[in-house]
């Protein structure tokens, strides 16, 4: 029985290397797995993301957006996506994303709320 449960969990949580028009980097795949960001969640968010030709696109997915799409983790955390030319670089949950605004100048910020 335990073997069946393990196999079922593995088959239900298969991560693909592409989602919609985006390619997942190896680093993203690791962070996606480690930070419990599943493809179902990404399918609801990525259609609203606009990629530019900047060095990086940093997307803040605010709790209000997550709540509106019925995918909220909690009402204080936002999801940060780092994208470079349609490649998902990393993603993580964040309580206070303000420190990101002091990083590089050649970055495009997008806020989904």
PDB file of N, CA and C in Angstrom:
ATOM      1  N   UNK A   1       0.818  -1.199   0.000  1.00  0.00           N
ATOM      2  CA  UNK A   1       0.000   0.000   0.000  1.00  0.00           C
ATOM      3  C   UNK A   1       0.864   1.267   0.000  1.00  0.00           C
ATOM      4  N   UNK A   2       1.908   1.269   0.819  1.00  0.00           N
ATOM      5  CA  UNK A   2       2.795   2.420   0.885  1.00  0.00           C
ATOM      6  C   UNK A   2       3.454   2.683  -0.468  1.00  0.00           C
ATOM      7  N   UNK A   3       3.861   1.630  -1.152  1.00  0.00           N
ATOM      8  CA  UNK A   3       4.468   1.763  -2.474  1.00  0.00           C
ATOM      9  C   UNK A   3       3.492   2.417  -3.447  1.00  0.00           C
ATOM     10  N   UNK A   4       2.212   2.055  -3.388  1.00  0.00           N
ATOM     11  CA  UNK A   4       1.186   2.644  -4.249  1.00  0.00           C
ATOM     12  C   UNK A   4       1.043   4.141  -3.970  1.00  0.00           C
ATOM     13  N   UNK A   5       1.049   4.521  -2.699  1.00  0.00           N
ATOM     14  CA  UNK A   5       0.912   5.934  -2.328  1.00  0.00           C
ATOM     15  C   UNK A   5       2.103   6.734  -2.848  1.00  0.00           C
ATOM     16  N   UNK A   6       3.298   6.201  -2.699  1.00  0.00           N
ATOM     17  CA  UNK A   6       4.496   6.898  -3.175  1.00  0.00           C
ATOM     18  C   UNK A   6       4.448   7.061  -4.697  1.00  0.00           C
ATOM     19  N   UNK A   7       4.117   6.004  -5.421  1.00  0.00           N
ATOM     20  CA  UNK A   7       4.022   6.092  -6.878  1.00  0.00           C
ATOM     21  C   UNK A   7       2.957   7.090  -7.302  1.00  0.00           C
ATOM     22  N   UNK A   8       1.822   7.095  -6.624  1.00  0.00           N
ATOM     23  CA  UNK A   8       0.743   8.021  -6.946  1.00  0.00           C
ATOM     24  C   UNK A   8       1.172   9.466  -6.721  1.00  0.00           C
ATOM     25  N   UNK A   9       1.852   9.730  -5.630  1.00  0.00           N
ATOM     26  CA  UNK A   9       2.339  11.078  -5.363  1.00  0.00           C
ATOM     27  C   UNK A   9       3.356  11.515  -6.405  1.00  0.00           C
ATOM     28  N   UNK A  10       4.230  10.620  -6.800  1.00  0.00           N
ATOM     29  CA  UNK A  10       5.230  10.970  -7.804  1.00  0.00           C
ATOM     30  C   UNK A  10       4.593  11.257  -9.159  1.00  0.00           C
ATOM     31  N   UNK A  11       3.607  10.489  -9.558  1.00  0.00           N
ATOM     32  CA  UNK A  11       2.985  10.710 -10.865  1.00  0.00           C
ATOM     33  C   UNK A  11       2.106  11.945 -10.874  1.00  0.00           C
ATOM     34  N   UNK A  12       1.541  12.324  -9.753  1.00  0.00           N
ATOM     35  CA  UNK A  12       0.691  13.510  -9.705  1.00  0.00           C
ATOM     36  C   UNK A  12       1.491  14.801  -9.613  1.00  0.00           C
ATOM     37  N   UNK A  13       2.744  14.725  -9.248  1.00  0.00           N
ATOM     38  CA  UNK A  13       3.557  15.921  -9.058  1.00  0.00           C
ATOM     39  C   UNK A  13       4.683  16.023 -10.079  1.00  0.00           C
ATOM     40  N   UNK A  14       4.469  15.530 -11.255  1.00  0.00           N
ATOM     41  CA  UNK A  14       5.491  15.614 -12.301  1.00  0.00           C
ATOM     42  C   UNK A  14       5.636  17.069 -12.731  1.00  0.00           C
ATOM     43  N   UNK A  15       6.871  17.540 -12.759  1.00  0.00           N
ATOM     44  CA  UNK A  15       7.129  18.907 -13.176  1.00  0.00           C
ATOM     45  C   UNK A  15       7.653  18.897 -14.599  1.00  0.00           C
ATOM     46  N   UNK A  16       7.094  19.739 -15.415  1.00  0.00           N
ATOM     47  CA  UNK A  16       7.528  19.841 -16.802  1.00  0.00           C
ATOM     48  C   UNK A  16       8.605  20.907 -16.924  1.00  0.00           C
ATOM     49  N   UNK A  17       9.340  20.894 -18.024  1.00  0.00           N
ATOM     50  CA  UNK A  17      10.379  21.905 -18.226  1.00  0.00           C
ATOM     51  C   UNK A  17       9.864  23.116 -18.997  1.00  0.00           C
ATOM     52  N   UNK A  18       8.606  23.072 -19.389  1.00  0.00           N
ATOM     53  CA  UNK A  18       7.968  24.187 -20.097  1.00  0.00           C
ATOM     54  C   UNK A  18       6.562  24.349 -19.563  1.00  0.00           C
ATOM     55  N   UNK A  19       6.116  25.607 -19.502  1.00  0.00           N
ATOM     56  CA  UNK A  19       4.746  25.884 -19.105  1.00  0.00           C
ATOM     57  C   UNK A  19       4.265  27.100 -19.892  1.00  0.00           C
ATOM     58  N   UNK A  20       3.167  26.935 -20.579  1.00  0.00           N
ATOM     59  CA  UNK A  20       2.640  27.953 -21.499  1.00  0.00           C
ATOM     60  C   UNK A  20       3.764  28.360 -22.451  1.00  0.00           C
ATOM     61  N   UNK A  21       4.109  29.644 -22.528  1.00  0.00           N
ATOM     62  CA  UNK A  21       5.184  30.098 -23.426  1.00  0.00           C
ATOM     63  C   UNK A  21       6.530  30.208 -22.721  1.00  0.00           C
ATOM     64  N   UNK A  22       6.620  29.729 -21.516  1.00  0.00           N
ATOM     65  CA  UNK A  22       7.813  29.921 -20.701  1.00  0.00           C
ATOM     66  C   UNK A  22       8.616  28.631 -20.580  1.00  0.00           C
ATOM     67  N   UNK A  23       9.939  28.781 -20.557  1.00  0.00           N
ATOM     68  CA  UNK A  23      10.846  27.663 -20.328  1.00  0.00           C
ATOM     69  C   UNK A  23      11.307  27.742 -18.880  1.00  0.00           C
ATOM     70  N   UNK A  24      11.396  26.599 -18.222  1.00  0.00           N
ATOM     71  CA  UNK A  24      11.856  26.545 -16.837  1.00  0.00           C
ATOM     72  C   UNK A  24      13.342  26.194 -16.809  1.00  0.00           C
ATOM     73  N   UNK A  25      14.125  27.025 -16.149  1.00  0.00           N
ATOM     74  CA  UNK A  25      15.539  26.716 -15.987  1.00  0.00           C
ATOM     75  C   UNK A  25      15.690  25.631 -14.919  1.00  0.00           C
ATOM     76  N   UNK A  26      16.860  25.024 -14.865  1.00  0.00           N
ATOM     77  CA  UNK A  26      17.119  24.011 -13.843  1.00  0.00           C
ATOM     78  C   UNK A  26      16.970  24.601 -12.441  1.00  0.00           C
ATOM     79  N   UNK A  27      17.471  25.815 -12.272  1.00  0.00           N
ATOM     80  CA  UNK A  27      17.353  26.484 -10.975  1.00  0.00           C
ATOM     81  C   UNK A  27      15.886  26.689 -10.606  1.00  0.00           C
ATOM     82  N   UNK A  28      15.085  27.081 -11.585  1.00  0.00           N
ATOM     83  CA  UNK A  28      13.660  27.273 -11.317  1.00  0.00           C
ATOM     84  C   UNK A  28      13.006  25.957 -10.903  1.00  0.00           C
ATOM     85  N   UNK A  29      13.327  24.890 -11.597  1.00  0.00           N
ATOM     86  CA  UNK A  29      12.736  23.595 -11.254  1.00  0.00           C
ATOM     87  C   UNK A  29      13.052  23.203  -9.809  1.00  0.00           C
ATOM     88  N   UNK A  30      14.278  23.463  -9.380  1.00  0.00           N
ATOM     89  CA  UNK A  30      14.641  23.166  -8.002  1.00  0.00           C
ATOM     90  C   UNK A  30      13.877  24.060  -7.031  1.00  0.00           C
ATOM     91  N   UNK A  31      13.823  25.356  -7.322  1.00  0.00           N
ATOM     92  CA  UNK A  31      13.107  26.260  -6.411  1.00  0.00           C
ATOM     93  C   UNK A  31      11.605  25.990  -6.439  1.00  0.00           C
ATOM     94  N   UNK A  32      11.079  25.608  -7.581  1.00  0.00           N
ATOM     95  CA  UNK A  32       9.654  25.291  -7.683  1.00  0.00           C
ATOM     96  C   UNK A  32       9.313  24.112  -6.777  1.00  0.00           C
ATOM     97  N   UNK A  33      10.136  23.108  -6.810  1.00  0.00           N
ATOM     98  CA  UNK A  33       9.909  21.930  -5.976  1.00  0.00           C
ATOM     99  C   UNK A  33      10.121  22.259  -4.496  1.00  0.00           C
ATOM    100  N   UNK A  34      11.215  22.947  -4.189  1.00  0.00           N
ATOM    101  CA  UNK A  34      11.581  23.249  -2.813  1.00  0.00           C
ATOM    102  C   UNK A  34      10.587  24.201  -2.143  1.00  0.00           C
ATOM    103  N   UNK A  35      10.016  25.108  -2.900  1.00  0.00           N
ATOM    104  CA  UNK A  35       9.145  26.152  -2.337  1.00  0.00           C
ATOM    105  C   UNK A  35       7.668  25.902  -2.592  1.00  0.00           C
ATOM    106  N   UNK A  36       7.347  24.709  -3.019  1.00  0.00           N
ATOM    107  CA  UNK A  36       5.957  24.282  -3.260  1.00  0.00           C
ATOM    108  C   UNK A  36       5.175  25.272  -4.129  1.00  0.00           C
ATOM    109  N   UNK A  37       5.704  25.495  -5.310  1.00  0.00           N
ATOM    110  CA  UNK A  37       5.039  26.330  -6.305  1.00  0.00           C
ATOM    111  C   UNK A  37       4.667  25.394  -7.454  1.00  0.00           C
ATOM    112  N   UNK A  38       3.441  24.968  -7.489  1.00  0.00           N
ATOM    113  CA  UNK A  38       3.065  23.944  -8.466  1.00  0.00           C
ATOM    114  C   UNK A  38       2.632  24.549  -9.807  1.00  0.00           C
ATOM    115  N   UNK A  39       2.559  23.702 -10.820  1.00  0.00           N
ATOM    116  CA  UNK A  39       2.204  24.146 -12.162  1.00  0.00           C
ATOM    117  C   UNK A  39       0.778  24.697 -12.230  1.00  0.00           C
ATOM    118  N   UNK A  40      -0.104  24.162 -11.413  1.00  0.00           N
ATOM    119  CA  UNK A  40      -1.482  24.656 -11.381  1.00  0.00           C
ATOM    120  C   UNK A  40      -1.509  26.137 -11.015  1.00  0.00           C
ATOM    121  N   UNK A  41      -0.716  26.514 -10.043  1.00  0.00           N
ATOM    122  CA  UNK A  41      -0.602  27.909  -9.631  1.00  0.00           C
ATOM    123  C   UNK A  41      -0.023  28.754 -10.762  1.00  0.00           C
ATOM    124  N   UNK A  42       1.027  28.252 -11.401  1.00  0.00           N
ATOM    125  CA  UNK A  42       1.664  28.999 -12.488  1.00  0.00           C
ATOM    126  C   UNK A  42       0.730  29.185 -13.683  1.00  0.00           C
ATOM    127  N   UNK A  43      -0.101  28.192 -13.957  1.00  0.00           N
ATOM    128  CA  UNK A  43      -1.060  28.307 -15.059  1.00  0.00           C
ATOM    129  C   UNK A  43      -2.052  29.441 -14.836  1.00  0.00           C
ATOM    130  N   UNK A  44      -2.321  29.766 -13.594  1.00  0.00           N
ATOM    131  CA  UNK A  44      -3.251  30.854 -13.292  1.00  0.00           C
ATOM    132  C   UNK A  44      -2.571  32.221 -13.277  1.00  0.00           C
ATOM    133  N   UNK A  45      -1.259  32.235 -13.126  1.00  0.00           N
ATOM    134  CA  UNK A  45      -0.522  33.503 -13.014  1.00  0.00           C
ATOM    135  C   UNK A  45       0.137  33.925 -14.323  1.00  0.00           C
ATOM    136  N   UNK A  46       0.800  33.011 -14.992  1.00  0.00           N
ATOM    137  CA  UNK A  46       1.631  33.356 -16.150  1.00  0.00           C
ATOM    138  C   UNK A  46       0.894  34.029 -17.307  1.00  0.00           C
ATOM    139  N   UNK A  47      -0.382  33.759 -17.566  1.00  0.00           N
ATOM    140  CA  UNK A  47      -1.039  34.493 -18.651  1.00  0.00           C
ATOM    141  C   UNK A  47      -1.103  36.016 -18.426  1.00  0.00           C
ATOM    142  N   UNK A  48      -0.921  36.453 -17.204  1.00  0.00           N
ATOM    143  CA  UNK A  48      -0.986  37.878 -16.883  1.00  0.00           C
ATOM    144  C   UNK A  48       0.388  38.543 -16.859  1.00  0.00           C
ATOM    145  N   UNK A  49       1.432  37.767 -17.086  1.00  0.00           N
ATOM    146  CA  UNK A  49       2.798  38.283 -17.009  1.00  0.00           C
ATOM    147  C   UNK A  49       3.235  38.797 -18.379  1.00  0.00           C
ATOM    148  N   UNK A  50       3.753  40.028 -18.390  1.00  0.00           N
ATOM    149  CA  UNK A  50       4.293  40.627 -19.606  1.00  0.00           C
ATOM    150  C   UNK A  50       5.811  40.590 -19.547  1.00  0.00           C
ATOM    151  N   UNK A  51       6.427  39.913 -20.494  1.00  0.00           N
ATOM    152  CA  UNK A  51       7.891  39.872 -20.553  1.00  0.00           C
ATOM    153  C   UNK A  51       8.394  41.001 -21.431  1.00  0.00           C
ATOM    154  N   UNK A  52       9.509  41.571 -21.026  1.00  0.00           N
ATOM    155  CA  UNK A  52      10.134  42.647 -21.793  1.00  0.00           C
ATOM    156  C   UNK A  52      11.504  42.176 -22.257  1.00  0.00           C
ATOM    157  N   UNK A  53      12.237  43.073 -22.867  1.00  0.00           N
ATOM    158  CA  UNK A  53      13.600  42.751 -23.277  1.00  0.00           C
ATOM    159  C   UNK A  53      14.613  43.344 -22.311  1.00  0.00           C
ATOM    160  N   UNK A  54      14.179  43.628 -21.098  1.00  0.00           N
ATOM    161  CA  UNK A  54      15.094  44.086 -20.060  1.00  0.00           C
ATOM    162  C   UNK A  54      15.968  42.925 -19.618  1.00  0.00           C
ATOM    163  N   UNK A  55      16.979  43.242 -18.833  1.00  0.00           N
ATOM    164  CA  UNK A  55      17.863  42.194 -18.324  1.00  0.00           C
ATOM    165  C   UNK A  55      17.064  41.144 -17.554  1.00  0.00           C
ATOM    166  N   UNK A  56      16.134  41.602 -16.730  1.00  0.00           N
ATOM    167  CA  UNK A  56      15.269  40.698 -15.979  1.00  0.00           C
ATOM    168  C   UNK A  56      13.903  41.333 -15.818  1.00  0.00           C
ATOM    169  N   UNK A  57      12.901  40.483 -15.710  1.00  0.00           N
ATOM    170  CA  UNK A  57      11.566  40.916 -15.323  1.00  0.00           C
ATOM    171  C   UNK A  57      11.304  40.337 -13.950  1.00  0.00           C
ATOM    172  N   UNK A  58      10.975  41.194 -13.007  1.00  0.00           N
ATOM    173  CA  UNK A  58      10.629  40.723 -11.669  1.00  0.00           C
ATOM    174  C   UNK A  58       9.150  40.990 -11.477  1.00  0.00           C
ATOM    175  N   UNK A  59       8.408  39.916 -11.221  1.00  0.00           N
ATOM    176  CA  UNK A  59       6.954  40.000 -11.103  1.00  0.00           C
ATOM    177  C   UNK A  59       6.567  39.755  -9.654  1.00  0.00           C
ATOM    178  N   UNK A  60       5.851  40.719  -9.092  1.00  0.00           N
ATOM    179  CA  UNK A  60       5.314  40.594  -7.746  1.00  0.00           C
ATOM    180  C   UNK A  60       3.863  40.171  -7.869  1.00  0.00           C
ATOM    181  N   UNK A  61       3.545  38.997  -7.417  1.00  0.00           N
ATOM    182  CA  UNK A  61       2.161  38.530  -7.438  1.00  0.00           C
ATOM    183  C   UNK A  61       1.632  38.744  -6.022  1.00  0.00           C
ATOM    184  N   UNK A  62       0.826  39.794  -5.880  1.00  0.00           N
ATOM    185  CA  UNK A  62       0.385  40.232  -4.564  1.00  0.00           C
ATOM    186  C   UNK A  62      -0.706  39.322  -3.999  1.00  0.00           C
ATOM    187  N   UNK A  63      -0.863  39.326  -2.664  1.00  0.00           N
ATOM    188  CA  UNK A  63      -1.901  38.506  -2.042  1.00  0.00           C
ATOM    189  C   UNK A  63      -3.303  38.794  -2.580  1.00  0.00           C
ATOM    190  N   UNK A  64      -3.570  40.030  -2.945  1.00  0.00           N
ATOM    191  CA  UNK A  64      -4.898  40.356  -3.486  1.00  0.00           C
ATOM    192  C   UNK A  64      -5.138  39.641  -4.821  1.00  0.00           C
ATOM    193  N   UNK A  65      -4.101  39.546  -5.660  1.00  0.00           N
ATOM    194  CA  UNK A  65      -4.217  38.826  -6.929  1.00  0.00           C
ATOM    195  C   UNK A  65      -4.415  37.335  -6.675  1.00  0.00           C
ATOM    196  N   UNK A  66      -3.634  36.789  -5.747  1.00  0.00           N
ATOM    197  CA  UNK A  66      -3.748  35.367  -5.407  1.00  0.00           C
ATOM    198  C   UNK A  66      -5.135  35.046  -4.848  1.00  0.00           C
ATOM    199  N   UNK A  67      -5.653  35.959  -4.058  1.00  0.00           N
ATOM    200  CA  UNK A  67      -6.990  35.748  -3.484  1.00  0.00           C
ATOM    201  C   UNK A  67      -8.058  35.810  -4.570  1.00  0.00           C
ATOM    202  N   UNK A  68      -7.913  36.761  -5.470  1.00  0.00           N
ATOM    203  CA  UNK A  68      -8.877  36.915  -6.562  1.00  0.00           C
ATOM    204  C   UNK A  68      -8.902  35.668  -7.460  1.00  0.00           C
ATOM    205  N   UNK A  69      -7.749  35.056  -7.655  1.00  0.00           N
ATOM    206  CA  UNK A  69      -7.648  33.851  -8.490  1.00  0.00           C
ATOM    207  C   UNK A  69      -7.871  32.569  -7.694  1.00  0.00           C
ATOM    208  N   UNK A  70      -8.190  32.714  -6.417  1.00  0.00           N
ATOM    209  CA  UNK A  70      -8.457  31.574  -5.522  1.00  0.00           C
ATOM    210  C   UNK A  70      -7.256  30.634  -5.394  1.00  0.00           C
ATOM    211  N   UNK A  71      -6.073  31.214  -5.298  1.00  0.00           N
ATOM    212  CA  UNK A  71      -4.852  30.429  -5.130  1.00  0.00           C
ATOM    213  C   UNK A  71      -3.995  30.970  -3.990  1.00  0.00           C
ATOM    214  N   UNK A  72      -4.620  31.570  -3.029  1.00  0.00           N
ATOM    215  CA  UNK A  72      -3.879  32.247  -1.961  1.00  0.00           C
ATOM    216  C   UNK A  72      -3.172  31.255  -1.038  1.00  0.00           C
ATOM    217  N   UNK A  73      -1.944  31.578  -0.697  1.00  0.00           N
ATOM    218  CA  UNK A  73      -1.187  30.791   0.279  1.00  0.00           C
ATOM    219  C   UNK A  73      -1.523  31.315   1.668  1.00  0.00           C
ATOM    220  N   UNK A  74      -1.338  32.598   1.871  1.00  0.00           N
ATOM    221  CA  UNK A  74      -1.859  33.296   3.041  1.00  0.00           C
ATOM    222  C   UNK A  74      -1.983  34.764   2.662  1.00  0.00           C
ATOM    223  N   UNK A  75      -2.593  35.563   3.504  1.00  0.00           N
ATOM    224  CA  UNK A  75      -2.892  36.940   3.106  1.00  0.00           C
ATOM    225  C   UNK A  75      -1.746  37.918   3.309  1.00  0.00           C
ATOM    226  N   UNK A  76      -0.564  37.429   3.665  1.00  0.00           N
ATOM    227  CA  UNK A  76       0.572  38.319   3.864  1.00  0.00           C
ATOM    228  C   UNK A  76       1.719  38.056   2.897  1.00  0.00           C
ATOM    229  N   UNK A  77       1.742  36.911   2.261  1.00  0.00           N
ATOM    230  CA  UNK A  77       2.860  36.577   1.379  1.00  0.00           C
ATOM    231  C   UNK A  77       2.521  36.855  -0.079  1.00  0.00           C
ATOM    232  N   UNK A  78       3.524  37.378  -0.779  1.00  0.00           N
ATOM    233  CA  UNK A  78       3.385  37.518  -2.224  1.00  0.00           C
ATOM    234  C   UNK A  78       4.361  36.534  -2.876  1.00  0.00           C
ATOM    235  N   UNK A  79       4.101  36.255  -4.122  1.00  0.00           N
ATOM    236  CA  UNK A  79       4.968  35.370  -4.886  1.00  0.00           C
ATOM    237  C   UNK A  79       5.841  36.239  -5.776  1.00  0.00           C
ATOM    238  N   UNK A  80       7.125  35.993  -5.757  1.00  0.00           N
ATOM    239  CA  UNK A  80       8.075  36.727  -6.600  1.00  0.00           C
ATOM    240  C   UNK A  80       8.527  35.780  -7.704  1.00  0.00           C
ATOM    241  N   UNK A  81       8.400  36.223  -8.950  1.00  0.00           N
ATOM    242  CA  UNK A  81       8.896  35.470 -10.102  1.00  0.00           C
ATOM    243  C   UNK A  81       9.998  36.281 -10.763  1.00  0.00           C
ATOM    244  N   UNK A  82      11.109  35.635 -11.063  1.00  0.00           N
ATOM    245  CA  UNK A  82      12.194  36.287 -11.806  1.00  0.00           C
ATOM    246  C   UNK A  82      12.262  35.608 -13.159  1.00  0.00           C
ATOM    247  N   UNK A  83      12.125  36.433 -14.211  1.00  0.00           N
ATOM    248  CA  UNK A  83      12.029  35.923 -15.580  1.00  0.00           C
ATOM    249  C   UNK A  83      13.046  36.654 -16.449  1.00  0.00           C
ATOM    250  N   UNK A  84      13.649  35.913 -17.352  1.00  0.00           N
ATOM    251  CA  UNK A  84      14.573  36.533 -18.312  1.00  0.00           C
ATOM    252  C   UNK A  84      14.254  35.982 -19.693  1.00  0.00           C
ATOM    253  N   UNK A  85      13.729  36.824 -20.563  1.00  0.00           N
ATOM    254  CA  UNK A  85      13.408  36.450 -21.943  1.00  0.00           C
ATOM    255  C   UNK A  85      12.607  35.144 -22.026  1.00  0.00           C
ATOM    256  N   UNK A  86      11.470  35.110 -21.356  1.00  0.00           N
ATOM    257  CA  UNK A  86      10.562  33.955 -21.368  1.00  0.00           C
ATOM    258  C   UNK A  86      11.137  32.709 -20.707  1.00  0.00           C
ATOM    259  N   UNK A  87      12.211  32.875 -19.920  1.00  0.00           N
ATOM    260  CA  UNK A  87      12.759  31.778 -19.126  1.00  0.00           C
ATOM    261  C   UNK A  87      12.506  32.086 -17.658  1.00  0.00           C
ATOM    262  N   UNK A  88      11.886  31.152 -16.971  1.00  0.00           N
ATOM    263  CA  UNK A  88      11.646  31.310 -15.541  1.00  0.00           C
ATOM    264  C   UNK A  88      12.948  30.997 -14.814  1.00  0.00           C
ATOM    265  N   UNK A  89      13.476  31.982 -14.096  1.00  0.00           N
ATOM    266  CA  UNK A  89      14.763  31.848 -13.425  1.00  0.00           C
ATOM    267  C   UNK A  89      14.576  31.312 -12.005  1.00  0.00           C
ATOM    268  N   UNK A  90      13.705  31.952 -11.235  1.00  0.00           N
ATOM    269  CA  UNK A  90      13.437  31.506  -9.881  1.00  0.00           C
ATOM    270  C   UNK A  90      12.075  32.026  -9.437  1.00  0.00           C
ATOM    271  N   UNK A  91      11.602  31.473  -8.341  1.00  0.00           N
ATOM    272  CA  UNK A  91      10.337  31.903  -7.748  1.00  0.00           C
ATOM    273  C   UNK A  91      10.411  31.630  -6.257  1.00  0.00           C
ATOM    274  N   UNK A  92       9.814  32.516  -5.489  1.00  0.00           N
ATOM    275  CA  UNK A  92       9.794  32.299  -4.046  1.00  0.00           C
ATOM    276  C   UNK A  92       8.684  33.111  -3.404  1.00  0.00           C
ATOM    277  N   UNK A  93       8.294  32.661  -2.216  1.00  0.00           N
ATOM    278  CA  UNK A  93       7.303  33.368  -1.415  1.00  0.00           C
ATOM    279  C   UNK A  93       8.040  34.394  -0.571  1.00  0.00           C
ATOM    280  N   UNK A  94       7.442  35.575  -0.408  1.00  0.00           N
ATOM    281  CA  UNK A  94       8.131  36.658   0.288  1.00  0.00           C
ATOM    282  C   UNK A  94       7.149  37.465   1.126  1.00  0.00           C
ATOM    283  N   UNK A  95       7.580  37.807   2.351  1.00  0.00           N
ATOM    284  CA  UNK A  95       6.766  38.651   3.228  1.00  0.00           C
ATOM    285  C   UNK A  95       7.015  40.133   2.972  1.00  0.00           C
ATOM    286  N   UNK A  96       8.272  40.497   2.713  1.00  0.00           N
ATOM    287  CA  UNK A  96       8.630  41.903   2.541  1.00  0.00           C
ATOM    288  C   UNK A  96       9.524  42.063   1.308  1.00  0.00           C
ATOM    289  N   UNK A  97       8.934  42.293   0.147  1.00  0.00           N
ATOM    290  CA  UNK A  97       9.728  42.358  -1.087  1.00  0.00           C
ATOM    291  C   UNK A  97      10.398  43.710  -1.354  1.00  0.00           C
ATOM    292  N   UNK A  98      10.300  44.663  -0.453  1.00  0.00           N
ATOM    293  CA  UNK A  98      10.818  46.010  -0.707  1.00  0.00           C
ATOM    294  C   UNK A  98      12.316  46.047  -0.994  1.00  0.00           C
ATOM    295  N   UNK A  99      13.086  45.124  -0.432  1.00  0.00           N
ATOM    296  CA  UNK A  99      14.530  45.136  -0.642  1.00  0.00           C
ATOM    297  C   UNK A  99      14.898  44.942  -2.117  1.00  0.00           C
ATOM    298  N   UNK A 100      14.017  44.341  -2.896  1.00  0.00           N
ATOM    299  CA  UNK A 100      14.317  44.101  -4.308  1.00  0.00           C
ATOM    300  C   UNK A 100      14.428  45.385  -5.119  1.00  0.00           C
ATOM    301  N   UNK A 101      13.766  46.448  -4.679  1.00  0.00           N
ATOM    302  CA  UNK A 101      13.784  47.698  -5.444  1.00  0.00           C
ATOM    303  C   UNK A 101      15.140  48.394  -5.388  1.00  0.00           C
ATOM    304  N   UNK A 102      16.007  48.001  -4.503  1.00  0.00           N
ATOM    305  CA  UNK A 102      17.329  48.614  -4.381  1.00  0.00           C
ATOM    306  C   UNK A 102      18.402  47.861  -5.152  1.00  0.00           C
ATOM    307  N   UNK A 103      18.041  46.854  -5.898  1.00  0.00           N
ATOM    308  CA  UNK A 103      19.023  46.023  -6.617  1.00  0.00           C
ATOM    309  C   UNK A 103      19.503  46.713  -7.902  1.00  0.00           C
ATOM    310  N   UNK A 104      19.296  46.106  -9.044  1.00  0.00           N
ATOM    311  CA  UNK A 104      19.808  46.619 -10.314  1.00  0.00           C
ATOM    312  C   UNK A 104      18.828  47.593 -10.952  1.00  0.00           C
ATOM    313  N   UNK A 105      19.368  48.499 -11.781  1.00  0.00           N
ATOM    314  CA  UNK A 105      18.512  49.479 -12.445  1.00  0.00           C
ATOM    315  C   UNK A 105      17.910  48.945 -13.735  1.00  0.00           C
ATOM    316  N   UNK A 106      18.544  47.983 -14.393  1.00  0.00           N
ATOM    317  CA  UNK A 106      18.070  47.472 -15.682  1.00  0.00           C
ATOM    318  C   UNK A 106      17.062  46.338 -15.498  1.00  0.00           C
ATOM    319  N   UNK A 107      16.183  46.513 -14.543  1.00  0.00           N
ATOM    320  CA  UNK A 107      15.207  45.483 -14.234  1.00  0.00           C
ATOM    321  C   UNK A 107      13.813  46.066 -14.438  1.00  0.00           C
ATOM    322  N   UNK A 108      12.949  45.280 -15.026  1.00  0.00           N
ATOM    323  CA  UNK A 108      11.559  45.684 -15.224  1.00  0.00           C
ATOM    324  C   UNK A 108      10.711  45.060 -14.123  1.00  0.00           C
ATOM    325  N   UNK A 109       9.986  45.858 -13.378  1.00  0.00           N
ATOM    326  CA  UNK A 109       9.142  45.378 -12.301  1.00  0.00           C
ATOM    327  C   UNK A 109       7.691  45.371 -12.754  1.00  0.00           C
ATOM    328  N   UNK A 110       6.985  44.328 -12.426  1.00  0.00           N
ATOM    329  CA  UNK A 110       5.561  44.234 -12.729  1.00  0.00           C
ATOM    330  C   UNK A 110       4.856  43.745 -11.483  1.00  0.00           C
ATOM    331  N   UNK A 111       3.757  44.395 -11.142  1.00  0.00           N
ATOM    332  CA  UNK A 111       3.002  44.028  -9.955  1.00  0.00           C
ATOM    333  C   UNK A 111       1.625  43.568 -10.379  1.00  0.00           C
ATOM    334  N   UNK A 112       1.289  42.337 -10.034  1.00  0.00           N
ATOM    335  CA  UNK A 112      -0.049  41.798 -10.301  1.00  0.00           C
ATOM    336  C   UNK A 112      -0.821  41.856  -9.000  1.00  0.00           C
ATOM    337  N   UNK A 113      -1.890  42.686  -8.977  1.00  0.00           N
ATOM    338  CA  UNK A 113      -2.689  42.803  -7.753  1.00  0.00           C
ATOM    339  C   UNK A 113      -4.150  42.740  -8.049  1.00  0.00           C
TER     340      UNK A 113
END
